[in-house]
Amino acid sequence: MVMDERILHIQHCMYQYSRAIYRSIKDLIDPYVDDETQLEYRREVLQACEGTMQRLAQDPHYFAKPDRALFQDIRRYFPINVQAQVAWAVNHGVDAAVGFVEDQIEAGAFDGGVARCRATTRKGKACQRTPLPDRDYCPSHQHLERSKAAA
């Protein structure tokens, strides 16, 4: 029951990120096309934003550059003189969504509610192991918990 609520919360937040990106760029869509074409372009941009956020929420570990993918999908709907502005908006919107997803991963939302070790590897990545019961760290990093308690 708690996981269902967490998943609904994540889906709602990802929907909000997709809408925020769309709202920030919708008025930049090519103004030189007829109204019907512009409406179609808006639908396509909205679908691309939603699709990117859905994919990010469903499979965050295997979506390497979501901002680049979204910009490549929608850039044809904007005149060349606003593409830098669109790229900036997409980059910042997707970065915010990625940050949210990373926070959810750390909290265990994407692993069936299983928390992850709070330590980082030598390369600076988050440890992917499951912590010991009622602890913050996995067996490999349990020494960090003792040093934290001593401090």
N, C-alpha and C. Protein backbone atom coordinates (compact mmCIF):
# COMPACT_ATOMS: atom_id res chain seq x y z
N MET A 1 0.82 -1.20 0.00
CA MET A 1 0.00 0.00 0.00
C MET A 1 0.87 1.26 0.00
N VAL A 2 1.91 1.27 0.83
CA VAL A 2 2.80 2.42 0.91
C VAL A 2 3.54 2.60 -0.41
N MET A 3 3.96 1.49 -1.05
CA MET A 3 4.67 1.59 -2.32
C MET A 3 3.76 2.13 -3.41
N ASP A 4 2.49 1.75 -3.40
CA ASP A 4 1.55 2.28 -4.39
C ASP A 4 1.44 3.79 -4.26
N GLU A 5 1.37 4.28 -3.04
CA GLU A 5 1.30 5.73 -2.81
C GLU A 5 2.57 6.41 -3.27
N ARG A 6 3.71 5.76 -3.00
CA ARG A 6 4.99 6.34 -3.41
C ARG A 6 5.09 6.40 -4.93
N ILE A 7 4.66 5.34 -5.60
CA ILE A 7 4.69 5.31 -7.07
C ILE A 7 3.76 6.37 -7.64
N LEU A 8 2.57 6.52 -7.08
CA LEU A 8 1.66 7.57 -7.53
C LEU A 8 2.27 8.95 -7.31
N HIS A 9 2.95 9.14 -6.20
CA HIS A 9 3.61 10.42 -5.93
C HIS A 9 4.69 10.70 -6.97
N ILE A 10 5.49 9.69 -7.28
CA ILE A 10 6.55 9.85 -8.29
C ILE A 10 5.94 10.17 -9.64
N GLN A 11 4.89 9.44 -10.03
CA GLN A 11 4.24 9.71 -11.31
C GLN A 11 3.68 11.13 -11.37
N HIS A 12 3.07 11.57 -10.28
CA HIS A 12 2.51 12.92 -10.23
C HIS A 12 3.63 13.96 -10.37
N CYS A 13 4.72 13.75 -9.67
CA CYS A 13 5.84 14.70 -9.75
C CYS A 13 6.44 14.73 -11.15
N MET A 14 6.59 13.56 -11.77
CA MET A 14 7.16 13.52 -13.12
C MET A 14 6.23 14.22 -14.11
N TYR A 15 4.93 14.06 -13.91
CA TYR A 15 3.95 14.78 -14.74
C TYR A 15 4.15 16.28 -14.58
N GLN A 16 4.35 16.74 -13.35
CA GLN A 16 4.56 18.16 -13.10
C GLN A 16 5.84 18.66 -13.76
N TYR A 17 6.90 17.85 -13.74
CA TYR A 17 8.15 18.25 -14.41
C TYR A 17 7.92 18.37 -15.91
N SER A 18 7.20 17.41 -16.51
CA SER A 18 6.97 17.47 -17.96
C SER A 18 6.15 18.72 -18.31
N ARG A 19 5.16 19.03 -17.50
CA ARG A 19 4.33 20.23 -17.75
C ARG A 19 5.14 21.51 -17.57
N ALA A 20 6.01 21.53 -16.59
CA ALA A 20 6.83 22.72 -16.36
C ALA A 20 7.76 22.98 -17.55
N ILE A 21 8.36 21.91 -18.07
CA ILE A 21 9.22 22.07 -19.25
C ILE A 21 8.38 22.57 -20.42
N TYR A 22 7.24 21.94 -20.64
CA TYR A 22 6.37 22.33 -21.75
C TYR A 22 5.95 23.80 -21.63
N ARG A 23 5.50 24.19 -20.44
CA ARG A 23 5.04 25.58 -20.26
C ARG A 23 6.16 26.59 -20.49
N SER A 24 7.39 26.21 -20.17
CA SER A 24 8.50 27.14 -20.34
C SER A 24 8.90 27.33 -21.80
N ILE A 25 8.51 26.41 -22.68
CA ILE A 25 8.94 26.51 -24.08
C ILE A 25 7.80 26.62 -25.09
N LYS A 26 6.56 26.44 -24.67
CA LYS A 26 5.44 26.36 -25.62
C LYS A 26 5.26 27.64 -26.44
N ASP A 27 5.55 28.78 -25.85
CA ASP A 27 5.38 30.04 -26.58
C ASP A 27 6.50 30.31 -27.57
N LEU A 28 7.54 29.49 -27.55
CA LEU A 28 8.66 29.65 -28.47
C LEU A 28 8.49 28.81 -29.74
N ILE A 29 7.47 27.96 -29.76
CA ILE A 29 7.22 27.12 -30.94
C ILE A 29 7.02 28.01 -32.16
N ASP A 30 7.50 27.53 -33.28
CA ASP A 30 7.54 28.29 -34.54
C ASP A 30 6.29 29.14 -34.76
N PRO A 31 6.43 30.47 -34.67
CA PRO A 31 5.27 31.36 -34.84
C PRO A 31 4.93 31.63 -36.31
N TYR A 32 5.76 31.14 -37.24
CA TYR A 32 5.58 31.46 -38.65
C TYR A 32 4.76 30.42 -39.41
N VAL A 33 4.24 29.42 -38.70
CA VAL A 33 3.40 28.41 -39.34
C VAL A 33 1.94 28.75 -39.07
N ASP A 34 1.04 28.14 -39.84
CA ASP A 34 -0.39 28.41 -39.63
C ASP A 34 -0.84 27.85 -38.29
N ASP A 35 -2.01 28.29 -37.83
CA ASP A 35 -2.50 27.93 -36.49
C ASP A 35 -2.66 26.43 -36.29
N GLU A 36 -3.17 25.75 -37.31
CA GLU A 36 -3.37 24.30 -37.19
C GLU A 36 -2.04 23.57 -37.02
N THR A 37 -1.04 23.97 -37.78
CA THR A 37 0.28 23.36 -37.69
C THR A 37 0.91 23.67 -36.34
N GLN A 38 0.74 24.89 -35.87
CA GLN A 38 1.30 25.25 -34.57
C GLN A 38 0.66 24.43 -33.45
N LEU A 39 -0.64 24.18 -33.54
CA LEU A 39 -1.33 23.35 -32.56
C LEU A 39 -0.77 21.92 -32.59
N GLU A 40 -0.53 21.42 -33.79
CA GLU A 40 0.06 20.08 -33.93
C GLU A 40 1.47 20.04 -33.33
N TYR A 41 2.26 21.09 -33.58
CA TYR A 41 3.61 21.18 -33.02
C TYR A 41 3.54 21.18 -31.49
N ARG A 42 2.59 21.91 -30.93
CA ARG A 42 2.45 21.95 -29.47
C ARG A 42 2.13 20.56 -28.92
N ARG A 43 1.25 19.85 -29.60
CA ARG A 43 0.92 18.48 -29.16
C ARG A 43 2.15 17.58 -29.19
N GLU A 44 2.92 17.70 -30.25
CA GLU A 44 4.13 16.88 -30.40
C GLU A 44 5.15 17.20 -29.30
N VAL A 45 5.34 18.47 -29.01
CA VAL A 45 6.27 18.87 -27.96
C VAL A 45 5.80 18.37 -26.61
N LEU A 46 4.50 18.50 -26.33
CA LEU A 46 3.95 18.01 -25.07
C LEU A 46 4.13 16.49 -24.94
N GLN A 47 3.85 15.77 -26.02
CA GLN A 47 4.03 14.31 -26.01
C GLN A 47 5.49 13.93 -25.77
N ALA A 48 6.40 14.66 -26.37
CA ALA A 48 7.83 14.38 -26.19
C ALA A 48 8.25 14.63 -24.74
N CYS A 49 7.77 15.72 -24.15
CA CYS A 49 8.08 16.01 -22.75
C CYS A 49 7.54 14.91 -21.84
N GLU A 50 6.29 14.53 -22.07
CA GLU A 50 5.68 13.48 -21.24
C GLU A 50 6.40 12.15 -21.43
N GLY A 51 6.73 11.81 -22.67
CA GLY A 51 7.42 10.56 -22.94
C GLY A 51 8.78 10.48 -22.28
N THR A 52 9.51 11.58 -22.30
CA THR A 52 10.82 11.62 -21.66
C THR A 52 10.69 11.42 -20.16
N MET A 53 9.74 12.09 -19.55
CA MET A 53 9.56 11.97 -18.10
C MET A 53 9.07 10.56 -17.72
N GLN A 54 8.22 9.98 -18.56
CA GLN A 54 7.76 8.61 -18.29
C GLN A 54 8.92 7.63 -18.35
N ARG A 55 9.74 7.77 -19.37
CA ARG A 55 10.88 6.87 -19.51
C ARG A 55 11.85 7.06 -18.36
N LEU A 56 12.07 8.30 -17.95
CA LEU A 56 12.96 8.57 -16.82
C LEU A 56 12.43 7.95 -15.54
N ALA A 57 11.12 8.01 -15.35
CA ALA A 57 10.52 7.45 -14.14
C ALA A 57 10.50 5.92 -14.17
N GLN A 58 10.31 5.34 -15.34
CA GLN A 58 10.20 3.88 -15.44
C GLN A 58 11.56 3.19 -15.44
N ASP A 59 12.55 3.80 -16.03
CA ASP A 59 13.85 3.14 -16.14
C ASP A 59 14.98 4.15 -15.99
N PRO A 60 15.13 4.72 -14.80
CA PRO A 60 16.12 5.80 -14.62
C PRO A 60 17.57 5.33 -14.76
N HIS A 61 17.84 4.07 -14.51
CA HIS A 61 19.21 3.58 -14.57
C HIS A 61 19.74 3.48 -16.00
N TYR A 62 18.83 3.38 -16.98
CA TYR A 62 19.26 3.15 -18.36
C TYR A 62 18.83 4.27 -19.31
N PHE A 63 18.76 5.48 -18.79
CA PHE A 63 18.43 6.63 -19.63
C PHE A 63 19.55 7.63 -19.42
N ALA A 64 20.61 7.49 -20.23
CA ALA A 64 21.86 8.21 -19.99
C ALA A 64 21.75 9.72 -20.10
N LYS A 65 21.18 10.23 -21.17
CA LYS A 65 21.14 11.68 -21.39
C LYS A 65 19.72 12.12 -21.77
N PRO A 66 18.83 12.14 -20.80
CA PRO A 66 17.43 12.47 -21.11
C PRO A 66 17.25 13.89 -21.65
N ASP A 67 18.07 14.83 -21.20
CA ASP A 67 17.94 16.20 -21.69
C ASP A 67 18.31 16.29 -23.17
N ARG A 68 19.37 15.61 -23.54
CA ARG A 68 19.79 15.62 -24.95
C ARG A 68 18.76 14.92 -25.82
N ALA A 69 18.22 13.80 -25.33
CA ALA A 69 17.22 13.06 -26.10
C ALA A 69 15.97 13.90 -26.32
N LEU A 70 15.50 14.58 -25.27
CA LEU A 70 14.30 15.42 -25.41
C LEU A 70 14.56 16.57 -26.37
N PHE A 71 15.69 17.24 -26.24
CA PHE A 71 15.97 18.36 -27.13
C PHE A 71 16.05 17.90 -28.59
N GLN A 72 16.67 16.75 -28.83
CA GLN A 72 16.74 16.23 -30.19
C GLN A 72 15.36 15.93 -30.75
N ASP A 73 14.46 15.47 -29.89
CA ASP A 73 13.10 15.15 -30.33
C ASP A 73 12.28 16.39 -30.69
N ILE A 74 12.54 17.50 -30.02
CA ILE A 74 11.65 18.67 -30.20
C ILE A 74 12.28 19.84 -30.93
N ARG A 75 13.54 19.83 -31.19
CA ARG A 75 14.20 21.01 -31.75
C ARG A 75 13.63 21.44 -33.10
N ARG A 76 13.10 20.51 -33.86
CA ARG A 76 12.57 20.86 -35.20
C ARG A 76 11.32 21.73 -35.15
N TYR A 77 10.71 21.84 -33.98
CA TYR A 77 9.49 22.62 -33.84
C TYR A 77 9.76 24.09 -33.48
N PHE A 78 11.02 24.46 -33.39
CA PHE A 78 11.39 25.81 -32.96
C PHE A 78 12.28 26.47 -33.99
N PRO A 79 12.12 27.78 -34.18
CA PRO A 79 13.02 28.48 -35.09
C PRO A 79 14.45 28.49 -34.52
N ILE A 80 15.40 28.63 -35.39
CA ILE A 80 16.80 28.53 -35.00
C ILE A 80 17.20 29.59 -33.97
N ASN A 81 16.58 30.77 -34.01
CA ASN A 81 16.98 31.85 -33.11
C ASN A 81 16.55 31.64 -31.65
N VAL A 82 15.72 30.64 -31.35
CA VAL A 82 15.32 30.38 -29.96
C VAL A 82 15.79 29.00 -29.48
N GLN A 83 16.53 28.29 -30.31
CA GLN A 83 16.92 26.94 -29.92
C GLN A 83 17.84 26.90 -28.70
N ALA A 84 18.69 27.89 -28.54
CA ALA A 84 19.54 27.93 -27.34
C ALA A 84 18.69 28.11 -26.09
N GLN A 85 17.68 28.94 -26.18
CA GLN A 85 16.76 29.15 -25.05
C GLN A 85 15.98 27.87 -24.74
N VAL A 86 15.55 27.18 -25.77
CA VAL A 86 14.83 25.91 -25.59
C VAL A 86 15.76 24.87 -24.96
N ALA A 87 16.98 24.78 -25.47
CA ALA A 87 17.94 23.81 -24.93
C ALA A 87 18.21 24.09 -23.45
N TRP A 88 18.33 25.36 -23.08
CA TRP A 88 18.56 25.73 -21.68
C TRP A 88 17.38 25.32 -20.82
N ALA A 89 16.17 25.61 -21.27
CA ALA A 89 14.96 25.27 -20.50
C ALA A 89 14.84 23.75 -20.34
N VAL A 90 15.09 23.03 -21.41
CA VAL A 90 15.01 21.56 -21.35
C VAL A 90 16.07 21.03 -20.40
N ASN A 91 17.28 21.54 -20.51
CA ASN A 91 18.38 21.08 -19.66
C ASN A 91 18.05 21.29 -18.18
N HIS A 92 17.59 22.47 -17.83
CA HIS A 92 17.29 22.75 -16.43
C HIS A 92 16.08 21.98 -15.92
N GLY A 93 15.07 21.84 -16.74
CA GLY A 93 13.89 21.08 -16.34
C GLY A 93 14.20 19.60 -16.14
N VAL A 94 14.95 19.03 -17.06
CA VAL A 94 15.30 17.62 -16.96
C VAL A 94 16.28 17.40 -15.80
N ASP A 95 17.21 18.34 -15.58
CA ASP A 95 18.13 18.22 -14.44
C ASP A 95 17.36 18.18 -13.12
N ALA A 96 16.33 19.00 -13.00
CA ALA A 96 15.51 18.99 -11.79
C ALA A 96 14.81 17.64 -11.63
N ALA A 97 14.28 17.12 -12.72
CA ALA A 97 13.60 15.82 -12.67
C ALA A 97 14.58 14.70 -12.33
N VAL A 98 15.77 14.75 -12.90
CA VAL A 98 16.79 13.73 -12.62
C VAL A 98 17.19 13.80 -11.14
N GLY A 99 17.32 15.00 -10.61
CA GLY A 99 17.63 15.14 -9.19
C GLY A 99 16.55 14.54 -8.31
N PHE A 100 15.30 14.76 -8.69
CA PHE A 100 14.19 14.18 -7.94
C PHE A 100 14.24 12.65 -8.01
N VAL A 101 14.47 12.12 -9.20
CA VAL A 101 14.53 10.66 -9.38
C VAL A 101 15.69 10.08 -8.58
N GLU A 102 16.83 10.75 -8.58
CA GLU A 102 17.98 10.26 -7.80
C GLU A 102 17.66 10.24 -6.31
N ASP A 103 16.95 11.25 -5.84
CA ASP A 103 16.53 11.25 -4.43
C ASP A 103 15.61 10.07 -4.14
N GLN A 104 14.71 9.78 -5.07
CA GLN A 104 13.80 8.65 -4.88
C GLN A 104 14.54 7.32 -4.91
N ILE A 105 15.55 7.23 -5.76
CA ILE A 105 16.35 6.00 -5.82
C ILE A 105 17.07 5.79 -4.50
N GLU A 106 17.66 6.86 -3.97
CA GLU A 106 18.35 6.75 -2.68
C GLU A 106 17.39 6.33 -1.58
N ALA A 107 16.15 6.77 -1.66
CA ALA A 107 15.15 6.42 -0.65
C ALA A 107 14.60 5.01 -0.86
N GLY A 108 14.97 4.36 -1.97
CA GLY A 108 14.54 3.00 -2.22
C GLY A 108 13.23 2.89 -2.99
N ALA A 109 12.75 3.98 -3.55
CA ALA A 109 11.45 3.97 -4.22
C ALA A 109 11.45 3.12 -5.49
N PHE A 110 12.58 2.98 -6.15
CA PHE A 110 12.63 2.25 -7.41
C PHE A 110 13.04 0.80 -7.23
N ASP A 111 13.28 0.39 -6.00
CA ASP A 111 13.74 -0.97 -5.74
C ASP A 111 12.75 -1.73 -4.89
N GLY A 112 11.49 -1.44 -5.05
CA GLY A 112 10.48 -2.13 -4.26
C GLY A 112 10.53 -1.75 -2.80
N GLY A 113 10.98 -0.54 -2.50
CA GLY A 113 11.03 -0.09 -1.12
C GLY A 113 12.30 -0.47 -0.39
N VAL A 114 13.27 -1.08 -1.09
CA VAL A 114 14.52 -1.47 -0.47
C VAL A 114 15.46 -0.27 -0.48
N ALA A 115 15.95 0.09 0.68
CA ALA A 115 16.86 1.22 0.78
C ALA A 115 18.23 0.86 0.23
N ARG A 116 19.03 1.84 -0.07
CA ARG A 116 20.39 1.63 -0.56
C ARG A 116 21.37 2.16 0.47
N CYS A 117 22.55 1.60 0.45
CA CYS A 117 23.64 2.02 1.33
C CYS A 117 23.90 3.51 1.11
N ARG A 118 24.22 4.23 2.17
CA ARG A 118 24.42 5.68 2.07
C ARG A 118 25.85 6.05 1.69
N ALA A 119 26.73 5.06 1.55
CA ALA A 119 28.13 5.32 1.23
C ALA A 119 28.29 5.59 -0.26
N THR A 120 29.46 6.12 -0.61
CA THR A 120 29.80 6.31 -2.02
C THR A 120 31.02 5.45 -2.34
N THR A 121 31.13 5.06 -3.59
CA THR A 121 32.26 4.24 -4.02
C THR A 121 33.48 5.12 -4.23
N ARG A 122 34.59 4.51 -4.57
CA ARG A 122 35.82 5.27 -4.82
C ARG A 122 35.67 6.21 -6.01
N LYS A 123 34.80 5.83 -6.93
CA LYS A 123 34.57 6.67 -8.11
C LYS A 123 33.54 7.76 -7.86
N GLY A 124 33.01 7.83 -6.64
CA GLY A 124 32.06 8.89 -6.30
C GLY A 124 30.61 8.55 -6.57
N LYS A 125 30.33 7.34 -7.00
CA LYS A 125 28.95 6.91 -7.25
C LYS A 125 28.34 6.37 -5.97
N ALA A 126 27.02 6.41 -5.87
CA ALA A 126 26.34 5.86 -4.71
C ALA A 126 26.47 4.34 -4.70
N CYS A 127 26.73 3.79 -3.54
CA CYS A 127 26.80 2.33 -3.38
C CYS A 127 25.42 1.76 -3.67
N GLN A 128 25.38 0.67 -4.41
CA GLN A 128 24.10 0.08 -4.82
C GLN A 128 23.67 -1.08 -3.93
N ARG A 129 24.45 -1.39 -2.91
CA ARG A 129 24.14 -2.54 -2.05
C ARG A 129 23.05 -2.20 -1.04
N THR A 130 22.42 -3.24 -0.54
CA THR A 130 21.37 -3.09 0.46
C THR A 130 22.02 -2.97 1.84
N PRO A 131 21.61 -2.01 2.64
CA PRO A 131 22.20 -1.86 3.97
C PRO A 131 21.78 -3.00 4.90
N LEU A 132 22.52 -3.14 5.96
CA LEU A 132 22.19 -4.12 6.98
C LEU A 132 20.86 -3.75 7.62
N PRO A 133 20.15 -4.70 8.19
CA PRO A 133 18.85 -4.38 8.82
C PRO A 133 19.01 -3.30 9.90
N ASP A 134 18.13 -2.32 9.87
CA ASP A 134 18.11 -1.20 10.81
C ASP A 134 19.39 -0.38 10.79
N ARG A 135 20.08 -0.36 9.65
CA ARG A 135 21.33 0.39 9.51
C ARG A 135 21.27 1.23 8.24
N ASP A 136 22.24 2.15 8.11
CA ASP A 136 22.34 2.99 6.92
C ASP A 136 23.35 2.47 5.91
N TYR A 137 24.20 1.52 6.31
CA TYR A 137 25.30 1.08 5.47
C TYR A 137 25.29 -0.43 5.23
N CYS A 138 25.85 -0.84 4.10
CA CYS A 138 25.97 -2.26 3.75
C CYS A 138 27.13 -2.88 4.52
N PRO A 139 27.32 -4.20 4.43
CA PRO A 139 28.43 -4.83 5.14
C PRO A 139 29.80 -4.26 4.77
N SER A 140 29.98 -3.87 3.51
CA SER A 140 31.28 -3.33 3.09
C SER A 140 31.56 -1.95 3.69
N HIS A 141 30.51 -1.22 4.01
CA HIS A 141 30.68 0.14 4.51
C HIS A 141 30.23 0.31 5.96
N GLN A 142 30.02 -0.78 6.67
CA GLN A 142 29.51 -0.69 8.03
C GLN A 142 30.47 0.05 8.96
N HIS A 143 31.76 0.07 8.62
CA HIS A 143 32.72 0.80 9.43
C HIS A 143 32.41 2.31 9.46
N LEU A 144 31.75 2.81 8.43
CA LEU A 144 31.39 4.23 8.40
C LEU A 144 30.34 4.57 9.45
N GLU A 145 29.47 3.63 9.74
CA GLU A 145 28.43 3.85 10.73
C GLU A 145 29.07 3.97 12.11
N ARG A 146 30.05 3.14 12.40
CA ARG A 146 30.73 3.20 13.70
C ARG A 146 31.48 4.51 13.87
N SER A 147 32.14 4.97 12.80
CA SER A 147 32.90 6.21 12.93
C SER A 147 31.95 7.40 13.06
N LYS A 148 30.77 7.30 12.46
CA LYS A 148 29.78 8.37 12.59
C LYS A 148 29.25 8.43 14.01
N ALA A 149 29.03 7.27 14.62
CA ALA A 149 28.51 7.22 15.98
C ALA A 149 29.56 7.71 16.97
N ALA A 150 30.85 7.50 16.69
CA ALA A 150 31.91 7.92 17.60
C ALA A 150 32.10 9.43 17.57
N ALA A 151 31.75 10.04 16.46
CA ALA A 151 31.97 11.49 16.30
C ALA A 151 30.99 12.33 17.04
